[in-house]
Protein backbone atom coordinates (compact mmCIF):
# COMPACT_ATOMS: atom_id res chain seq x y z
CA ASP A 1 -14.65 -15.26 14.92
CA HIS A 2 -15.43 -11.34 14.98
CA HIS A 3 -11.81 -10.27 15.22
CA ILE A 4 -8.80 -9.14 12.84
CA ASN A 5 -5.57 -10.67 13.40
CA TYR A 6 -2.77 -8.17 12.74
CA GLY A 7 0.15 -10.23 12.83
CA SER A 8 3.16 -9.57 14.92
CA GLY A 9 4.74 -5.79 14.99
CA SER A 10 2.68 -4.85 11.79
CA GLY A 11 1.42 -1.60 13.09
CA LEU A 12 -1.80 -2.23 11.39
CA GLN A 13 -3.85 -2.07 14.74
CA ASP A 14 -5.18 1.52 14.27
CA ARG A 15 -5.70 1.31 10.61
CA VAL A 16 -7.70 -1.69 10.10
CA ALA A 17 -11.34 -2.36 10.66
CA PHE A 18 -14.23 -4.28 9.63
CA VAL A 19 -16.25 -2.35 6.96
CA GLN A 20 -19.57 -3.58 8.62
CA ASN A 21 -20.08 -3.06 12.26
CA ASP A 22 -21.18 -6.77 12.33
CA PRO A 23 -19.10 -9.14 10.24
CA SER A 24 -21.39 -12.20 10.90
CA GLN A 25 -24.07 -10.34 8.59
CA TYR A 26 -22.07 -12.06 5.59
CA ASP A 27 -19.66 -9.17 4.93
CA ALA A 28 -16.27 -9.68 6.79
CA SER A 29 -14.60 -7.00 4.42
CA ILE A 30 -11.87 -5.01 6.07
CA ARG A 31 -10.76 -1.57 5.31
CA LEU A 32 -7.04 -0.66 5.65
CA ALA A 33 -6.63 3.09 6.16
CA ASP A 34 -3.57 5.19 5.33
CA LEU A 35 -1.68 3.00 3.15
CA GLN A 36 2.02 2.76 3.47
CA VAL A 37 4.80 1.22 1.36
CA SER A 38 5.09 -1.37 4.61
CA ASP A 39 1.60 -2.69 4.22
CA THR A 40 2.89 -4.62 1.05
CA GLY A 41 2.42 -8.31 1.59
CA THR A 42 -0.25 -11.16 1.46
CA TYR A 43 -3.44 -10.63 3.43
CA GLN A 44 -5.73 -13.60 4.32
CA CYS A 45 -9.51 -13.78 4.75
CA ARG A 46 -10.76 -16.47 6.90
CA VAL A 47 -14.46 -16.73 7.30
CA LYS A 48 -15.88 -19.46 9.64
CA LYS A 49 -19.43 -20.01 9.68
CA ASN A 50 -20.60 -23.68 9.19
CA THR A 51 -17.31 -24.20 7.18
CA VAL A 52 -14.02 -22.29 6.71
CA ALA A 53 -13.37 -20.31 3.89
CA VAL A 54 -10.10 -19.01 3.13
CA HIS A 55 -9.01 -16.51 0.42
CA GLU A 56 -5.72 -14.66 0.02
CA VAL A 57 -5.26 -11.31 -1.52
CA ILE A 58 -1.73 -9.74 -2.60
CA VAL A 59 -1.36 -6.18 -1.85
CA THR A 60 1.54 -4.11 -3.37
CA VAL A 61 1.82 -0.47 -2.39
CA GLU A 62 4.18 1.59 -4.58
CA GLU A 63 5.72 4.84 -3.51
CA LYS A 64 5.28 8.00 -5.38
CA PRO A 65 8.83 9.33 -6.70
CA ALA A 66 9.95 12.44 -5.02
CA THR A 67 10.05 15.50 -7.22
CA PRO A 68 13.06 15.34 -9.39
CA GLN A 69 15.91 17.83 -9.20
CA CYS A 70 16.95 18.94 -12.63
CA TRP A 71 19.85 21.06 -14.08
CA VAL A 72 21.62 21.94 -17.12
CA GLU A 73 25.32 20.90 -17.95
CA GLY A 74 27.05 23.04 -20.36
CA GLU A 75 26.53 26.55 -21.62
CA SER A 76 23.23 27.42 -23.17
CA VAL A 77 24.56 28.90 -26.37
CA ARG A 78 22.75 28.67 -29.78
CA GLY A 79 24.26 26.12 -31.74
CA THR A 80 26.08 24.37 -28.78
CA ASN A 81 25.33 21.15 -26.97
CA VAL A 82 23.79 20.95 -23.52
CA VAL A 83 23.05 17.94 -21.24
CA LEU A 84 19.77 18.06 -19.10
CA ARG A 85 20.06 15.92 -16.12
CA CYS A 86 17.41 15.03 -13.68
CA PHE A 87 17.74 12.60 -10.57
CA SER A 88 14.72 11.38 -8.17
CA ARG A 89 15.20 9.53 -5.04
């Protein structure tokens, strides 16, 4: 139908577009720009020419962890034990 259904409140309107200018030329691929963790979900491609073909794709966007914060617990003296602690959000 030459259109993309973005769903309700998805925030995809400015980031999704057909790869080819004219999807009726047998390529209805879409490009999703600036992926975000909230883009995780099931996407459906529904192509209608003479018949209707539907295919679903599950997209999982994972977030890169923040830089860890590390510190030493205990005194750094030869022959003693120390604990190295690291934490990341």
